[in-house]
C-alpha atoms as a PDB file:
ATOM      1  CA  UNK A   1     101.063 -80.376 -39.121  1.00  0.00           C
ATOM      2  CA  UNK A   2      99.229 -77.896 -36.949  1.00  0.00           C
ATOM      3  CA  UNK A   3      99.197 -78.676 -33.203  1.00  0.00           C
ATOM      4  CA  UNK A   4      95.937 -79.973 -31.829  1.00  0.00           C
ATOM      5  CA  UNK A   5      94.191 -77.948 -29.089  1.00  0.00           C
ATOM      6  CA  UNK A   6      94.491 -79.482 -25.625  1.00  0.00           C
ATOM      7  CA  UNK A   7      91.504 -77.756 -24.059  1.00  0.00           C
ATOM      8  CA  UNK A   8      93.806 -76.081 -21.539  1.00  0.00           C
ATOM      9  CA  UNK A   9      95.326 -72.612 -21.495  1.00  0.00           C
ATOM     10  CA  UNK A  10      98.946 -71.590 -20.737  1.00  0.00           C
ATOM     11  CA  UNK A  11      98.040 -69.586 -17.626  1.00  0.00           C
ATOM     12  CA  UNK A  12      96.158 -69.967 -14.371  1.00  0.00           C
ATOM     13  CA  UNK A  13      94.239 -67.619 -12.114  1.00  0.00           C
ATOM     14  CA  UNK A  14      95.455 -66.684  -8.616  1.00  0.00           C
ATOM     15  CA  UNK A  15      94.496 -69.151  -5.900  1.00  0.00           C
ATOM     16  CA  UNK A  16      92.447 -66.526  -4.068  1.00  0.00           C
ATOM     17  CA  UNK A  17      90.114 -66.217  -7.068  1.00  0.00           C
ATOM     18  CA  UNK A  18      89.511 -69.931  -7.549  1.00  0.00           C
ATOM     19  CA  UNK A  19      86.104 -71.188  -6.359  1.00  0.00           C
ATOM     20  CA  UNK A  20      85.361 -67.765  -4.859  1.00  0.00           C
ATOM     21  CA  UNK A  21      82.665 -65.333  -6.045  1.00  0.00           C
ATOM     22  CA  UNK A  22      84.087 -62.400  -7.996  1.00  0.00           C
ATOM     23  CA  UNK A  23      82.663 -59.072  -6.889  1.00  0.00           C
ATOM     24  CA  UNK A  24      81.226 -56.568  -9.330  1.00  0.00           C
ATOM     25  CA  UNK A  25      82.810 -53.394 -10.662  1.00  0.00           C
ATOM     26  CA  UNK A  26      80.121 -50.897  -9.649  1.00  0.00           C
ATOM     27  CA  UNK A  27      76.935 -50.268  -7.643  1.00  0.00           C
ATOM     28  CA  UNK A  28      74.062 -51.374  -9.872  1.00  0.00           C
ATOM     29  CA  UNK A  29      71.335 -49.782  -7.742  1.00  0.00           C
ATOM     30  CA  UNK A  30      73.108 -46.402  -7.935  1.00  0.00           C
ATOM     31  CA  UNK A  31      73.332 -46.661 -11.712  1.00  0.00           C
ATOM     32  CA  UNK A  32      69.610 -47.420 -11.879  1.00  0.00           C
ATOM     33  CA  UNK A  33      68.522 -44.785  -9.367  1.00  0.00           C
ATOM     34  CA  UNK A  34      70.847 -41.923 -10.318  1.00  0.00           C
ATOM     35  CA  UNK A  35      71.065 -42.790 -14.005  1.00  0.00           C
ATOM     36  CA  UNK A  36      68.228 -44.713 -15.595  1.00  0.00           C
ATOM     37  CA  UNK A  37      65.440 -43.458 -13.310  1.00  0.00           C
ATOM     38  CA  UNK A  38      66.654 -39.861 -12.883  1.00  0.00           C
ATOM     39  CA  UNK A  39      68.622 -38.766 -15.917  1.00  0.00           C
ATOM     40  CA  UNK A  40      66.472 -38.232 -19.045  1.00  0.00           C
ATOM     41  CA  UNK A  41      69.460 -38.473 -21.398  1.00  0.00           C
ATOM     42  CA  UNK A  42      70.488 -41.943 -20.198  1.00  0.00           C
ATOM     43  CA  UNK A  43      66.885 -43.137 -19.939  1.00  0.00           C
ATOM     44  CA  UNK A  44      66.118 -42.022 -23.490  1.00  0.00           C
ATOM     45  CA  UNK A  45      69.276 -43.638 -24.902  1.00  0.00           C
ATOM     46  CA  UNK A  46      68.620 -47.004 -23.256  1.00  0.00           C
ATOM     47  CA  UNK A  47      64.907 -47.031 -24.093  1.00  0.00           C
ATOM     48  CA  UNK A  48      65.693 -46.161 -27.715  1.00  0.00           C
ATOM     49  CA  UNK A  49      67.764 -49.347 -27.948  1.00  0.00           C
ATOM     50  CA  UNK A  50      65.093 -51.329 -26.106  1.00  0.00           C
ATOM     51  CA  UNK A  51      62.397 -50.238 -28.552  1.00  0.00           C
ATOM     52  CA  UNK A  52      64.731 -50.934 -31.483  1.00  0.00           C
ATOM     53  CA  UNK A  53      65.557 -54.492 -30.450  1.00  0.00           C
ATOM     54  CA  UNK A  54      61.904 -55.389 -29.880  1.00  0.00           C
ATOM     55  CA  UNK A  55      61.023 -54.501 -33.469  1.00  0.00           C
ATOM     56  CA  UNK A  56      62.606 -57.759 -34.682  1.00  0.00           C
ATOM     57  CA  UNK A  57      60.782 -60.867 -33.392  1.00  0.00           C
ATOM     58  CA  UNK A  58      62.760 -63.558 -31.603  1.00  0.00           C
ATOM     59  CA  UNK A  59      62.566 -66.625 -33.854  1.00  0.00           C
ATOM     60  CA  UNK A  60      64.110 -70.092 -34.125  1.00  0.00           C
ATOM     61  CA  UNK A  61      65.648 -71.567 -37.272  1.00  0.00           C
ATOM     62  CA  UNK A  62      67.182 -74.875 -38.312  1.00  0.00           C
ATOM     63  CA  UNK A  63      69.492 -75.976 -41.087  1.00  0.00           C
ATOM     64  CA  UNK A  64      72.655 -74.409 -42.411  1.00  0.00           C
ATOM     65  CA  UNK A  65      73.341 -70.791 -41.332  1.00  0.00           C
ATOM     66  CA  UNK A  66      73.682 -69.805 -44.992  1.00  0.00           C
ATOM     67  CA  UNK A  67      70.234 -71.237 -45.763  1.00  0.00           C
ATOM     68  CA  UNK A  68      68.205 -71.181 -42.519  1.00  0.00           C
ATOM     69  CA  UNK A  69      64.750 -72.716 -42.304  1.00  0.00           C
ATOM     70  CA  UNK A  70      62.169 -71.083 -40.048  1.00  0.00           C
ATOM     71  CA  UNK A  71      60.840 -73.659 -37.613  1.00  0.00           C
ATOM     72  CA  UNK A  72      57.043 -74.178 -37.574  1.00  0.00           C
ATOM     73  CA  UNK A  73      54.908 -72.486 -34.924  1.00  0.00           C
ATOM     74  CA  UNK A  74      54.248 -75.855 -33.293  1.00  0.00           C
ATOM     75  CA  UNK A  75      57.959 -76.465 -32.650  1.00  0.00           C
ATOM     76  CA  UNK A  76      58.891 -76.335 -28.942  1.00  0.00           C
ATOM     77  CA  UNK A  77      61.826 -73.984 -29.532  1.00  0.00           C
ATOM     78  CA  UNK A  78      59.691 -71.660 -31.621  1.00  0.00           C
ATOM     79  CA  UNK A  79      57.079 -71.597 -28.859  1.00  0.00           C
ATOM     80  CA  UNK A  80      59.819 -70.745 -26.358  1.00  0.00           C
ATOM     81  CA  UNK A  81      60.917 -67.821 -28.519  1.00  0.00           C
ATOM     82  CA  UNK A  82      57.386 -66.471 -28.699  1.00  0.00           C
ATOM     83  CA  UNK A  83      56.824 -66.919 -24.967  1.00  0.00           C
ATOM     84  CA  UNK A  84      60.135 -67.258 -23.069  1.00  0.00           C
ATOM     85  CA  UNK A  85      58.297 -67.768 -19.770  1.00  0.00           C
ATOM     86  CA  UNK A  86      54.835 -67.590 -18.263  1.00  0.00           C
ATOM     87  CA  UNK A  87      55.275 -63.972 -17.213  1.00  0.00           C
ATOM     88  CA  UNK A  88      56.784 -62.289 -20.265  1.00  0.00           C
ATOM     89  CA  UNK A  89      56.267 -61.974 -23.990  1.00  0.00           C
ATOM     90  CA  UNK A  90      59.316 -62.114 -26.257  1.00  0.00           C
ATOM     91  CA  UNK A  91      59.375 -58.309 -26.529  1.00  0.00           C
ATOM     92  CA  UNK A  92      59.331 -57.825 -22.746  1.00  0.00           C
ATOM     93  CA  UNK A  93      62.009 -60.490 -22.354  1.00  0.00           C
ATOM     94  CA  UNK A  94      64.326 -59.037 -25.003  1.00  0.00           C
ATOM     95  CA  UNK A  95      63.738 -55.467 -23.831  1.00  0.00           C
ATOM     96  CA  UNK A  96      64.665 -56.286 -20.229  1.00  0.00           C
ATOM     97  CA  UNK A  97      67.765 -58.222 -21.287  1.00  0.00           C
ATOM     98  CA  UNK A  98      68.910 -55.381 -23.546  1.00  0.00           C
ATOM     99  CA  UNK A  99      68.341 -52.757 -20.838  1.00  0.00           C
ATOM    100  CA  UNK A 100      70.415 -54.796 -18.366  1.00  0.00           C
ATOM    101  CA  UNK A 101      73.192 -55.207 -20.921  1.00  0.00           C
ATOM    102  CA  UNK A 102      73.362 -51.502 -21.733  1.00  0.00           C
ATOM    103  CA  UNK A 103      73.115 -50.264 -18.157  1.00  0.00           C
ATOM    104  CA  UNK A 104      75.149 -52.914 -16.326  1.00  0.00           C
ATOM    105  CA  UNK A 105      77.307 -54.309 -19.123  1.00  0.00           C
ATOM    106  CA  UNK A 106      75.975 -57.775 -18.228  1.00  0.00           C
ATOM    107  CA  UNK A 107      72.816 -59.697 -19.019  1.00  0.00           C
ATOM    108  CA  UNK A 108      72.174 -63.107 -17.445  1.00  0.00           C
ATOM    109  CA  UNK A 109      69.576 -65.503 -18.830  1.00  0.00           C
ATOM    110  CA  UNK A 110      68.628 -68.566 -16.810  1.00  0.00           C
ATOM    111  CA  UNK A 111      67.500 -71.682 -18.675  1.00  0.00           C
ATOM    112  CA  UNK A 112      64.777 -73.596 -16.852  1.00  0.00           C
ATOM    113  CA  UNK A 113      65.021 -77.212 -17.972  1.00  0.00           C
ATOM    114  CA  UNK A 114      62.681 -80.143 -17.564  1.00  0.00           C
ATOM    115  CA  UNK A 115      63.682 -83.596 -18.727  1.00  0.00           C
ATOM    116  CA  UNK A 116      66.632 -82.173 -20.627  1.00  0.00           C
ATOM    117  CA  UNK A 117      64.419 -79.730 -22.547  1.00  0.00           C
ATOM    118  CA  UNK A 118      64.433 -75.972 -21.976  1.00  0.00           C
ATOM    119  CA  UNK A 119      60.926 -74.932 -20.960  1.00  0.00           C
ATOM    120  CA  UNK A 120      61.619 -71.371 -19.842  1.00  0.00           C
ATOM    121  CA  UNK A 121      64.110 -68.496 -20.005  1.00  0.00           C
ATOM    122  CA  UNK A 122      64.392 -65.793 -17.355  1.00  0.00           C
ATOM    123  CA  UNK A 123      66.381 -62.550 -17.239  1.00  0.00           C
ATOM    124  CA  UNK A 124      68.152 -62.300 -13.882  1.00  0.00           C
ATOM    125  CA  UNK A 125      69.079 -59.040 -12.147  1.00  0.00           C
ATOM    126  CA  UNK A 126      72.763 -58.362 -12.871  1.00  0.00           C
ATOM    127  CA  UNK A 127      73.540 -57.247  -9.323  1.00  0.00           C
ATOM    128  CA  UNK A 128      72.284 -60.523  -7.877  1.00  0.00           C
ATOM    129  CA  UNK A 129      74.650 -62.710  -9.886  1.00  0.00           C
ATOM    130  CA  UNK A 130      78.266 -63.405  -8.957  1.00  0.00           C
ATOM    131  CA  UNK A 131      80.721 -65.400 -11.059  1.00  0.00           C
ATOM    132  CA  UNK A 132      82.652 -68.323  -9.594  1.00  0.00           C
ATOM    133  CA  UNK A 133      85.784 -69.304 -11.584  1.00  0.00           C
ATOM    134  CA  UNK A 134      87.144 -72.831 -11.808  1.00  0.00           C
ATOM    135  CA  UNK A 135      90.709 -73.832 -11.018  1.00  0.00           C
ATOM    136  CA  UNK A 136      93.557 -74.213 -13.568  1.00  0.00           C
ATOM    137  CA  UNK A 137      91.400 -73.806 -16.686  1.00  0.00           C
ATOM    138  CA  UNK A 138      89.915 -70.873 -18.504  1.00  0.00           C
ATOM    139  CA  UNK A 139      86.476 -71.941 -17.435  1.00  0.00           C
ATOM    140  CA  UNK A 140      83.653 -70.818 -15.181  1.00  0.00           C
ATOM    141  CA  UNK A 141      82.561 -73.198 -12.435  1.00  0.00           C
ATOM    142  CA  UNK A 142      79.159 -71.558 -12.222  1.00  0.00           C
ATOM    143  CA  UNK A 143      77.141 -68.636 -10.944  1.00  0.00           C
ATOM    144  CA  UNK A 144      75.621 -67.731  -7.584  1.00  0.00           C
ATOM    145  CA  UNK A 145      72.255 -65.997  -7.409  1.00  0.00           C
ATOM    146  CA  UNK A 146      71.959 -63.884  -4.269  1.00  0.00           C
ATOM    147  CA  UNK A 147      68.360 -63.331  -3.136  1.00  0.00           C
ATOM    148  CA  UNK A 148      67.553 -59.934  -1.659  1.00  0.00           C
ATOM    149  CA  UNK A 149      69.239 -59.414   1.686  1.00  0.00           C
ATOM    150  CA  UNK A 150      71.389 -62.554   1.414  1.00  0.00           C
ATOM    151  CA  UNK A 151      75.165 -62.928   1.237  1.00  0.00           C
ATOM    152  CA  UNK A 152      76.881 -65.319  -1.149  1.00  0.00           C
ATOM    153  CA  UNK A 153      77.113 -68.316   1.296  1.00  0.00           C
ATOM    154  CA  UNK A 154      73.286 -68.341   1.210  1.00  0.00           C
ATOM    155  CA  UNK A 155      73.071 -67.904  -2.542  1.00  0.00           C
ATOM    156  CA  UNK A 156      71.545 -70.289  -5.069  1.00  0.00           C
ATOM    157  CA  UNK A 157      74.185 -72.023  -7.244  1.00  0.00           C
ATOM    158  CA  UNK A 158      73.723 -72.560 -10.963  1.00  0.00           C
ATOM    159  CA  UNK A 159      75.957 -74.503 -13.307  1.00  0.00           C
ATOM    160  CA  UNK A 160      77.591 -72.524 -16.105  1.00  0.00           C
ATOM    161  CA  UNK A 161      75.608 -74.442 -18.741  1.00  0.00           C
ATOM    162  CA  UNK A 162      72.319 -73.221 -17.232  1.00  0.00           C
ATOM    163  CA  UNK A 163      73.135 -69.506 -17.504  1.00  0.00           C
ATOM    164  CA  UNK A 164      73.831 -67.467 -20.623  1.00  0.00           C
ATOM    165  CA  UNK A 165      76.094 -64.521 -19.814  1.00  0.00           C
ATOM    166  CA  UNK A 166      76.068 -61.754 -22.421  1.00  0.00           C
ATOM    167  CA  UNK A 167      78.474 -58.895 -21.685  1.00  0.00           C
ATOM    168  CA  UNK A 168      80.231 -55.884 -23.087  1.00  0.00           C
ATOM    169  CA  UNK A 169      84.066 -55.902 -23.363  1.00  0.00           C
ATOM    170  CA  UNK A 170      86.110 -55.503 -20.190  1.00  0.00           C
ATOM    171  CA  UNK A 171      89.722 -54.781 -21.139  1.00  0.00           C
ATOM    172  CA  UNK A 172      90.932 -55.281 -17.549  1.00  0.00           C
ATOM    173  CA  UNK A 173      88.988 -58.462 -16.874  1.00  0.00           C
ATOM    174  CA  UNK A 174      91.006 -60.496 -14.325  1.00  0.00           C
ATOM    175  CA  UNK A 175      89.357 -63.666 -15.663  1.00  0.00           C
ATOM    176  CA  UNK A 176      90.595 -63.087 -19.210  1.00  0.00           C
ATOM    177  CA  UNK A 177      87.230 -62.533 -20.828  1.00  0.00           C
ATOM    178  CA  UNK A 178      85.237 -64.894 -18.618  1.00  0.00           C
ATOM    179  CA  UNK A 179      84.335 -62.308 -15.967  1.00  0.00           C
ATOM    180  CA  UNK A 180      82.076 -59.274 -15.815  1.00  0.00           C
ATOM    181  CA  UNK A 181      81.541 -56.837 -18.645  1.00  0.00           C
ATOM    182  CA  UNK A 182      82.121 -53.086 -18.379  1.00  0.00           C
ATOM    183  CA  UNK A 183      78.943 -50.988 -18.093  1.00  0.00           C
ATOM    184  CA  UNK A 184      78.459 -48.812 -21.153  1.00  0.00           C
ATOM    185  CA  UNK A 185      77.387 -46.024 -18.801  1.00  0.00           C
ATOM    186  CA  UNK A 186      80.588 -46.087 -16.725  1.00  0.00           C
ATOM    187  CA  UNK A 187      82.560 -43.556 -18.862  1.00  0.00           C
ATOM    188  CA  UNK A 188      79.660 -41.081 -18.674  1.00  0.00           C
ATOM    189  CA  UNK A 189      78.950 -41.513 -14.956  1.00  0.00           C
ATOM    190  CA  UNK A 190      80.706 -38.288 -13.908  1.00  0.00           C
ATOM    191  CA  UNK A 191      79.026 -36.275 -16.655  1.00  0.00           C
ATOM    192  CA  UNK A 192      75.643 -37.674 -15.639  1.00  0.00           C
ATOM    193  CA  UNK A 193      76.325 -36.727 -12.007  1.00  0.00           C
ATOM    194  CA  UNK A 194      77.051 -33.152 -13.083  1.00  0.00           C
ATOM    195  CA  UNK A 195      73.887 -33.074 -15.173  1.00  0.00           C
ATOM    196  CA  UNK A 196      71.828 -34.367 -12.236  1.00  0.00           C
ATOM    197  CA  UNK A 197      73.394 -31.836  -9.837  1.00  0.00           C
ATOM    198  CA  UNK A 198      72.633 -28.956 -12.197  1.00  0.00           C
ATOM    199  CA  UNK A 199      69.058 -30.155 -12.570  1.00  0.00           C
ATOM    200  CA  UNK A 200      68.637 -30.232  -8.771  1.00  0.00           C
ATOM    201  CA  UNK A 201      70.208 -26.780  -8.451  1.00  0.00           C
ATOM    202  CA  UNK A 202      67.937 -25.173 -11.053  1.00  0.00           C
ATOM    203  CA  UNK A 203      64.895 -26.905  -9.594  1.00  0.00           C
ATOM    204  CA  UNK A 204      65.616 -25.461  -6.145  1.00  0.00           C
ATOM    205  CA  UNK A 205      66.555 -22.068  -7.627  1.00  0.00           C
ATOM    206  CA  UNK A 206      63.206 -21.599  -9.362  1.00  0.00           C
ATOM    207  CA  UNK A 207      61.251 -23.290  -6.585  1.00  0.00           C
ATOM    208  CA  UNK A 208      62.586 -20.856  -4.010  1.00  0.00           C
ATOM    209  CA  UNK A 209      62.362 -17.824  -6.278  1.00  0.00           C
END
C-alpha cells in the first residue's frame, strides 16, 4: 500500500528566512530602463510575445478538461475574463502580465474579492512585491506590496490565496520552487550592456563628426 501524503515536507528553511521578506535577485528598474526602454532587440522580443499572447482571448470554461464547455457571456467569471478590472481590457491585462513575466521572471496577479467572489484582477509591479515564507512547511505565508518610497515594514500584506504568482524556473531558489523566478533577460544582460554601449559610442561618434 502506497504511503499517504502528510502535507509536510522532509526539510525546513533556515530560521532567518522564516516570516521575513525575501529580497529580489536583480534591479527591476535597471532592467526596464537599460533593457526594455533602451535596447531595440529586447523590446522587440518582449513585444512580439505580448502581441502573440493577446491574439487568443481570455475565456472561462466549465466541465471536464477533455470536454470543456464555454461559459455564457452573462456568467460572472466570463465577464471577469473579458474585463479583468475597471481600467484594463483582457488584452491589456494579459499583455502587461506577459511583459512582466518575460522581463522580470515573475508576474503577480492580485484577486480583488467581494463577498467571497472575485470581482477584479490586477497585475502588480514585480519589484514592489516581496515573498514571505512560512515556518516548517513548504508554504508561503503571503506577500508584501511595497508602495513607492516605502520599506517592507510599511508594506501592504496579502495572503497567499489572494495573489497568483507566475514565474520562470529558478534552479537556485532557496525556497525550493516557492520563491522568485529567474528573469529570462538575465543571461543576456551583459550582451545587452555591450550593445547599448556601442550604440552610445556610435551616436556620439557621428554626432561629433
